[in-house]
Amino acid sequence: EVQLQASGGGLVQAGGSLRLSCAASGFTLDDYSIGWFRQVPGKEREGISCINSSHGSRYYLDSVKDRFTISSDNAKNTVYLQMNSLKPEDSAVYYCAAEIAYNRACHRERAWYNYWGQGTQVTVSS
């Protein structure tokens, strides 16, 4: 059974850092793209970053580029999202998702993703 477990959210002051983890089970990261999405109430869930380790591709939403870094530890079957220089507008529920995609560029659009983890809340205070 494919499962994704997102963790690492919390409350942080503006300018601070958090590292989100997405632990995968039931599949190996080599065969999937992993995406990170976030959602605030009343807005669409937006794709902010993704990675496909077999293809080597990464994507970042412009607003998080140079602040967020996505990485994959295939030995631990876990994808991380290091978030630095956090801003209040980064506050959201963050989700990770998996797309069946061996050696393909990852996608930012949520429609591509087959499996979703539960969200983890990130709150950035000003």
N, C-alpha and C. Protein backbone atom coordinates (compact mmCIF):
# COMPACT_ATOMS: atom_id res chain seq x y z
N GLU A 1 0.85 -1.19 0.00
CA GLU A 1 0.00 0.00 0.00
C GLU A 1 0.89 1.24 0.00
N VAL A 2 0.62 2.13 -0.93
CA VAL A 2 1.39 3.37 -1.01
C VAL A 2 0.93 4.32 0.08
N GLN A 3 1.88 4.81 0.84
CA GLN A 3 1.56 5.78 1.88
C GLN A 3 2.63 6.87 1.91
N LEU A 4 2.18 8.07 2.23
CA LEU A 4 3.07 9.21 2.38
C LEU A 4 2.78 9.86 3.72
N GLN A 5 3.83 10.16 4.45
CA GLN A 5 3.69 10.78 5.77
C GLN A 5 4.48 12.07 5.79
N ALA A 6 3.78 13.19 5.80
CA ALA A 6 4.44 14.49 5.87
C ALA A 6 4.58 14.92 7.33
N SER A 7 5.71 15.52 7.63
CA SER A 7 5.94 15.99 9.00
C SER A 7 6.92 17.15 8.97
N GLY A 8 7.08 17.79 10.12
CA GLY A 8 8.07 18.85 10.24
C GLY A 8 7.52 20.25 10.30
N GLY A 9 6.21 20.40 10.14
CA GLY A 9 5.63 21.72 10.22
C GLY A 9 5.68 22.27 11.63
N GLY A 10 5.32 23.52 11.76
CA GLY A 10 5.32 24.14 13.07
C GLY A 10 5.17 25.63 12.97
N LEU A 11 5.41 26.28 14.11
CA LEU A 11 5.33 27.73 14.19
C LEU A 11 6.75 28.28 14.22
N VAL A 12 7.01 29.25 13.36
CA VAL A 12 8.34 29.83 13.29
C VAL A 12 8.21 31.33 13.02
N GLN A 13 9.18 32.08 13.45
CA GLN A 13 9.17 33.52 13.17
C GLN A 13 9.64 33.79 11.75
N ALA A 14 9.23 34.91 11.22
CA ALA A 14 9.69 35.31 9.89
C ALA A 14 11.21 35.34 9.86
N GLY A 15 11.75 34.82 8.77
CA GLY A 15 13.20 34.72 8.64
C GLY A 15 13.76 33.40 9.12
N GLY A 16 12.94 32.62 9.79
CA GLY A 16 13.39 31.35 10.31
C GLY A 16 13.33 30.23 9.28
N SER A 17 13.62 29.02 9.75
CA SER A 17 13.69 27.86 8.86
C SER A 17 12.91 26.69 9.43
N LEU A 18 12.46 25.86 8.54
CA LEU A 18 11.86 24.57 8.88
C LEU A 18 12.28 23.57 7.82
N ARG A 19 12.32 22.30 8.21
CA ARG A 19 12.55 21.24 7.24
C ARG A 19 11.38 20.28 7.29
N LEU A 20 10.68 20.17 6.19
CA LEU A 20 9.59 19.22 6.07
C LEU A 20 10.13 17.90 5.55
N SER A 21 9.54 16.82 6.02
CA SER A 21 9.89 15.49 5.55
C SER A 21 8.66 14.81 4.97
N CYS A 22 8.88 14.04 3.94
CA CYS A 22 7.82 13.22 3.35
C CYS A 22 8.35 11.80 3.29
N ALA A 23 7.91 10.98 4.23
CA ALA A 23 8.36 9.59 4.29
C ALA A 23 7.43 8.73 3.46
N ALA A 24 8.00 8.00 2.52
CA ALA A 24 7.22 7.17 1.61
C ALA A 24 7.32 5.70 2.00
N SER A 25 6.23 4.98 1.84
CA SER A 25 6.24 3.54 2.05
C SER A 25 5.37 2.89 1.00
N GLY A 26 5.69 1.62 0.68
CA GLY A 26 4.92 0.89 -0.32
C GLY A 26 5.42 1.09 -1.73
N PHE A 27 6.45 1.90 -1.90
CA PHE A 27 7.05 2.10 -3.22
C PHE A 27 8.44 2.69 -3.03
N THR A 28 9.22 2.69 -4.09
CA THR A 28 10.55 3.28 -4.01
C THR A 28 10.58 4.59 -4.77
N LEU A 29 11.33 5.53 -4.24
CA LEU A 29 11.37 6.86 -4.83
C LEU A 29 11.89 6.87 -6.25
N ASP A 30 12.70 5.89 -6.61
CA ASP A 30 13.24 5.83 -7.98
C ASP A 30 12.13 5.81 -9.03
N ASP A 31 10.97 5.31 -8.68
CA ASP A 31 9.90 5.11 -9.66
C ASP A 31 8.86 6.22 -9.64
N TYR A 32 9.06 7.22 -8.79
CA TYR A 32 8.03 8.23 -8.59
C TYR A 32 8.63 9.62 -8.57
N SER A 33 7.81 10.60 -8.95
CA SER A 33 8.10 11.98 -8.61
C SER A 33 7.39 12.29 -7.31
N ILE A 34 8.02 13.14 -6.51
CA ILE A 34 7.40 13.64 -5.29
C ILE A 34 7.23 15.14 -5.40
N GLY A 35 6.04 15.60 -5.12
CA GLY A 35 5.76 17.03 -5.15
C GLY A 35 5.36 17.53 -3.79
N TRP A 36 5.69 18.78 -3.54
CA TRP A 36 5.22 19.49 -2.35
C TRP A 36 4.22 20.55 -2.79
N PHE A 37 3.11 20.59 -2.10
CA PHE A 37 2.04 21.53 -2.38
C PHE A 37 1.70 22.25 -1.08
N ARG A 38 1.05 23.38 -1.23
CA ARG A 38 0.55 24.06 -0.04
C ARG A 38 -0.81 24.67 -0.33
N GLN A 39 -1.56 24.84 0.73
CA GLN A 39 -2.92 25.35 0.57
C GLN A 39 -3.29 26.19 1.78
N VAL A 40 -3.88 27.34 1.50
CA VAL A 40 -4.47 28.17 2.54
C VAL A 40 -5.98 28.17 2.33
N PRO A 41 -6.74 28.41 3.38
CA PRO A 41 -8.21 28.37 3.25
C PRO A 41 -8.69 29.32 2.17
N GLY A 42 -9.58 28.81 1.33
CA GLY A 42 -10.17 29.64 0.29
C GLY A 42 -9.36 29.73 -0.98
N LYS A 43 -8.20 29.09 -1.01
CA LYS A 43 -7.36 29.14 -2.20
C LYS A 43 -7.08 27.75 -2.72
N GLU A 44 -6.69 27.70 -3.99
CA GLU A 44 -6.33 26.43 -4.61
C GLU A 44 -5.02 25.91 -4.02
N ARG A 45 -4.92 24.59 -4.02
CA ARG A 45 -3.65 23.99 -3.59
C ARG A 45 -2.63 24.23 -4.71
N GLU A 46 -1.48 24.78 -4.35
CA GLU A 46 -0.49 25.12 -5.36
C GLU A 46 0.77 24.27 -5.22
N GLY A 47 1.31 23.91 -6.36
CA GLY A 47 2.55 23.15 -6.37
C GLY A 47 3.73 24.09 -6.17
N ILE A 48 4.57 23.80 -5.19
CA ILE A 48 5.69 24.68 -4.91
C ILE A 48 7.03 24.06 -5.25
N SER A 49 7.11 22.75 -5.27
CA SER A 49 8.38 22.11 -5.60
C SER A 49 8.14 20.65 -5.91
N CYS A 50 9.01 20.09 -6.74
CA CYS A 50 8.92 18.65 -7.00
C CYS A 50 10.29 18.13 -7.38
N ILE A 51 10.41 16.82 -7.30
CA ILE A 51 11.68 16.16 -7.61
C ILE A 51 11.41 14.80 -8.22
N ASN A 52 12.22 14.45 -9.19
CA ASN A 52 12.23 13.09 -9.71
C ASN A 52 13.69 12.63 -9.67
N SER A 53 14.01 11.76 -8.74
CA SER A 53 15.42 11.43 -8.50
C SER A 53 16.01 10.61 -9.65
N SER A 54 15.22 9.79 -10.31
CA SER A 54 15.77 8.99 -11.42
C SER A 54 16.06 9.88 -12.63
N HIS A 55 15.28 10.91 -12.83
CA HIS A 55 15.47 11.85 -13.95
C HIS A 55 16.42 12.97 -13.57
N GLY A 56 16.48 13.27 -12.28
CA GLY A 56 17.33 14.36 -11.84
C GLY A 56 16.68 15.73 -11.90
N SER A 57 15.39 15.76 -12.15
CA SER A 57 14.71 17.05 -12.31
C SER A 57 14.20 17.58 -10.98
N ARG A 58 14.19 18.88 -10.88
CA ARG A 58 13.61 19.58 -9.76
C ARG A 58 12.86 20.79 -10.30
N TYR A 59 11.86 21.21 -9.54
CA TYR A 59 11.10 22.39 -9.91
C TYR A 59 10.83 23.20 -8.64
N TYR A 60 10.83 24.53 -8.80
CA TYR A 60 10.46 25.42 -7.70
C TYR A 60 9.54 26.51 -8.22
N LEU A 61 8.52 26.78 -7.47
CA LEU A 61 7.67 27.95 -7.73
C LEU A 61 8.54 29.20 -7.56
N ASP A 62 8.33 30.18 -8.41
CA ASP A 62 9.18 31.37 -8.36
C ASP A 62 9.25 32.00 -6.96
N SER A 63 8.15 32.00 -6.26
CA SER A 63 8.11 32.68 -4.96
C SER A 63 8.92 31.97 -3.88
N VAL A 64 9.33 30.72 -4.14
CA VAL A 64 10.12 30.00 -3.13
C VAL A 64 11.53 29.70 -3.62
N LYS A 65 11.76 29.99 -4.91
CA LYS A 65 13.09 29.75 -5.47
C LYS A 65 14.12 30.52 -4.66
N ASP A 66 15.26 29.93 -4.45
CA ASP A 66 16.37 30.52 -3.69
C ASP A 66 16.13 30.51 -2.19
N ARG A 67 14.96 30.10 -1.75
CA ARG A 67 14.70 29.98 -0.30
C ARG A 67 14.45 28.54 0.11
N PHE A 68 13.81 27.78 -0.77
CA PHE A 68 13.46 26.40 -0.47
C PHE A 68 14.34 25.46 -1.29
N THR A 69 14.67 24.32 -0.70
CA THR A 69 15.47 23.31 -1.39
C THR A 69 14.83 21.95 -1.19
N ILE A 70 14.58 21.26 -2.30
CA ILE A 70 14.03 19.91 -2.22
C ILE A 70 15.16 18.91 -2.42
N SER A 71 15.11 17.83 -1.66
CA SER A 71 16.13 16.80 -1.78
C SER A 71 15.51 15.44 -1.50
N SER A 72 16.22 14.43 -1.92
CA SER A 72 15.70 13.07 -1.80
C SER A 72 16.77 12.18 -1.19
N ASP A 73 16.40 11.43 -0.19
CA ASP A 73 17.28 10.40 0.39
C ASP A 73 16.64 9.06 0.06
N ASN A 74 17.07 8.47 -1.03
CA ASN A 74 16.42 7.25 -1.48
C ASN A 74 16.66 6.08 -0.53
N ALA A 75 17.77 6.11 0.19
CA ALA A 75 18.03 5.04 1.17
C ALA A 75 16.99 5.06 2.28
N LYS A 76 16.52 6.25 2.63
CA LYS A 76 15.50 6.38 3.67
C LYS A 76 14.11 6.50 3.07
N ASN A 77 14.04 6.51 1.74
CA ASN A 77 12.74 6.66 1.05
C ASN A 77 12.00 7.91 1.54
N THR A 78 12.75 8.98 1.66
CA THR A 78 12.21 10.22 2.22
C THR A 78 12.64 11.40 1.37
N VAL A 79 11.72 12.31 1.15
CA VAL A 79 12.00 13.57 0.46
C VAL A 79 11.87 14.70 1.47
N TYR A 80 12.79 15.64 1.37
CA TYR A 80 12.82 16.76 2.31
C TYR A 80 12.56 18.07 1.56
N LEU A 81 11.99 19.01 2.27
CA LEU A 81 11.86 20.36 1.77
C LEU A 81 12.44 21.29 2.84
N GLN A 82 13.63 21.78 2.57
CA GLN A 82 14.26 22.73 3.47
C GLN A 82 13.75 24.12 3.14
N MET A 83 13.17 24.76 4.11
CA MET A 83 12.56 26.07 3.90
C MET A 83 13.29 27.10 4.75
N ASN A 84 13.97 28.02 4.08
CA ASN A 84 14.71 29.07 4.76
C ASN A 84 14.08 30.43 4.48
N SER A 85 14.46 31.40 5.26
CA SER A 85 13.97 32.78 5.08
C SER A 85 12.46 32.80 4.94
N LEU A 86 11.80 32.12 5.84
CA LEU A 86 10.35 32.00 5.76
C LEU A 86 9.66 33.34 5.95
N LYS A 87 8.56 33.48 5.24
CA LYS A 87 7.77 34.71 5.27
C LYS A 87 6.37 34.37 5.75
N PRO A 88 5.66 35.34 6.29
CA PRO A 88 4.27 35.07 6.72
C PRO A 88 3.41 34.49 5.59
N GLU A 89 3.66 34.91 4.37
CA GLU A 89 2.86 34.39 3.26
C GLU A 89 3.18 32.93 2.92
N ASP A 90 4.18 32.36 3.54
CA ASP A 90 4.44 30.93 3.39
C ASP A 90 3.55 30.08 4.30
N SER A 91 2.82 30.73 5.19
CA SER A 91 1.94 30.00 6.10
C SER A 91 0.87 29.26 5.30
N ALA A 92 0.74 27.98 5.56
CA ALA A 92 -0.21 27.15 4.83
C ALA A 92 -0.14 25.73 5.40
N VAL A 93 -1.04 24.90 4.94
CA VAL A 93 -0.90 23.47 5.15
C VAL A 93 -0.11 22.92 3.98
N TYR A 94 0.95 22.21 4.28
CA TYR A 94 1.83 21.66 3.25
C TYR A 94 1.56 20.16 3.10
N TYR A 95 1.48 19.75 1.85
CA TYR A 95 1.20 18.35 1.51
C TYR A 95 2.30 17.82 0.60
N CYS A 96 2.61 16.54 0.74
CA CYS A 96 3.45 15.90 -0.26
C CYS A 96 2.59 14.89 -1.03
N ALA A 97 2.99 14.64 -2.25
CA ALA A 97 2.23 13.76 -3.13
C ALA A 97 3.19 13.01 -4.04
N ALA A 98 2.73 11.88 -4.55
CA ALA A 98 3.57 11.03 -5.40
C ALA A 98 2.91 10.79 -6.75
N GLU A 99 3.72 10.89 -7.78
CA GLU A 99 3.29 10.62 -9.15
C GLU A 99 4.10 9.44 -9.68
N ILE A 100 3.44 8.45 -10.25
CA ILE A 100 4.14 7.32 -10.86
C ILE A 100 4.88 7.85 -12.09
N ALA A 101 6.22 7.87 -12.02
CA ALA A 101 6.97 8.56 -13.08
C ALA A 101 8.44 8.18 -13.06
N TYR A 102 8.76 7.01 -13.59
CA TYR A 102 10.16 6.64 -13.63
C TYR A 102 10.90 7.45 -14.69
N ASN A 103 11.98 8.10 -14.28
CA ASN A 103 12.88 8.82 -15.19
C ASN A 103 12.14 9.84 -16.06
N ARG A 104 11.26 10.59 -15.46
CA ARG A 104 10.57 11.67 -16.17
C ARG A 104 10.66 12.95 -15.35
N ALA A 105 10.56 14.05 -16.04
CA ALA A 105 10.54 15.32 -15.33
C ALA A 105 9.32 15.39 -14.43
N CYS A 106 9.52 15.97 -13.26
CA CYS A 106 8.39 16.07 -12.33
C CYS A 106 7.44 17.18 -12.77
N HIS A 107 6.21 17.12 -12.30
CA HIS A 107 5.18 18.07 -12.68
C HIS A 107 4.76 18.92 -11.49
N ARG A 108 4.42 20.15 -11.75
CA ARG A 108 3.95 21.04 -10.70
C ARG A 108 2.46 20.97 -10.48
N GLU A 109 1.71 20.43 -11.46
CA GLU A 109 0.26 20.46 -11.37
C GLU A 109 -0.25 19.29 -10.54
N ARG A 110 -1.16 19.51 -9.67
CA ARG A 110 -1.64 18.48 -8.76
C ARG A 110 -2.33 17.33 -9.47
N ALA A 111 -2.88 17.58 -10.67
CA ALA A 111 -3.63 16.55 -11.38
C ALA A 111 -2.76 15.35 -11.76
N TRP A 112 -1.44 15.55 -11.81
CA TRP A 112 -0.56 14.46 -12.18
C TRP A 112 -0.35 13.45 -11.05
N TYR A 113 -0.67 13.84 -9.83
CA TYR A 113 -0.26 13.06 -8.66
C TYR A 113 -1.31 12.04 -8.25
N ASN A 114 -0.82 10.84 -7.98
CA ASN A 114 -1.69 9.71 -7.72
C ASN A 114 -1.97 9.50 -6.22
N TYR A 115 -1.02 9.87 -5.39
CA TYR A 115 -1.13 9.60 -3.96
C TYR A 115 -0.78 10.85 -3.17
N TRP A 116 -1.48 11.01 -2.07
CA TRP A 116 -1.30 12.20 -1.24
C TRP A 116 -1.10 11.81 0.21
N GLY A 117 -0.25 12.56 0.88
CA GLY A 117 -0.11 12.41 2.32
C GLY A 117 -1.04 13.38 3.02
N GLN A 118 -1.10 13.25 4.35
CA GLN A 118 -1.85 14.22 5.12
C GLN A 118 -1.03 15.50 5.19
N GLY A 119 -1.62 16.58 5.49
CA GLY A 119 -0.90 17.84 5.52
C GLY A 119 -0.18 18.08 6.83
N THR A 120 0.76 19.01 6.78
CA THR A 120 1.43 19.48 7.98
C THR A 120 1.38 21.01 7.98
N GLN A 121 0.98 21.57 9.09
CA GLN A 121 0.75 23.01 9.16
C GLN A 121 2.06 23.76 9.35
N VAL A 122 2.25 24.78 8.55
CA VAL A 122 3.37 25.70 8.72
C VAL A 122 2.80 27.09 8.99
N THR A 123 3.19 27.68 10.08
CA THR A 123 2.74 29.01 10.43
C THR A 123 3.96 29.89 10.67
N VAL A 124 4.02 30.99 9.93
CA VAL A 124 5.14 31.91 10.05
C VAL A 124 4.61 33.22 10.62
N SER A 125 5.10 33.59 11.78
CA SER A 125 4.64 34.81 12.43
C SER A 125 5.53 35.98 12.02
N SER A 126 4.90 37.15 11.95
CA SER A 126 5.65 38.36 11.54
C SER A 126 6.30 39.05 12.72
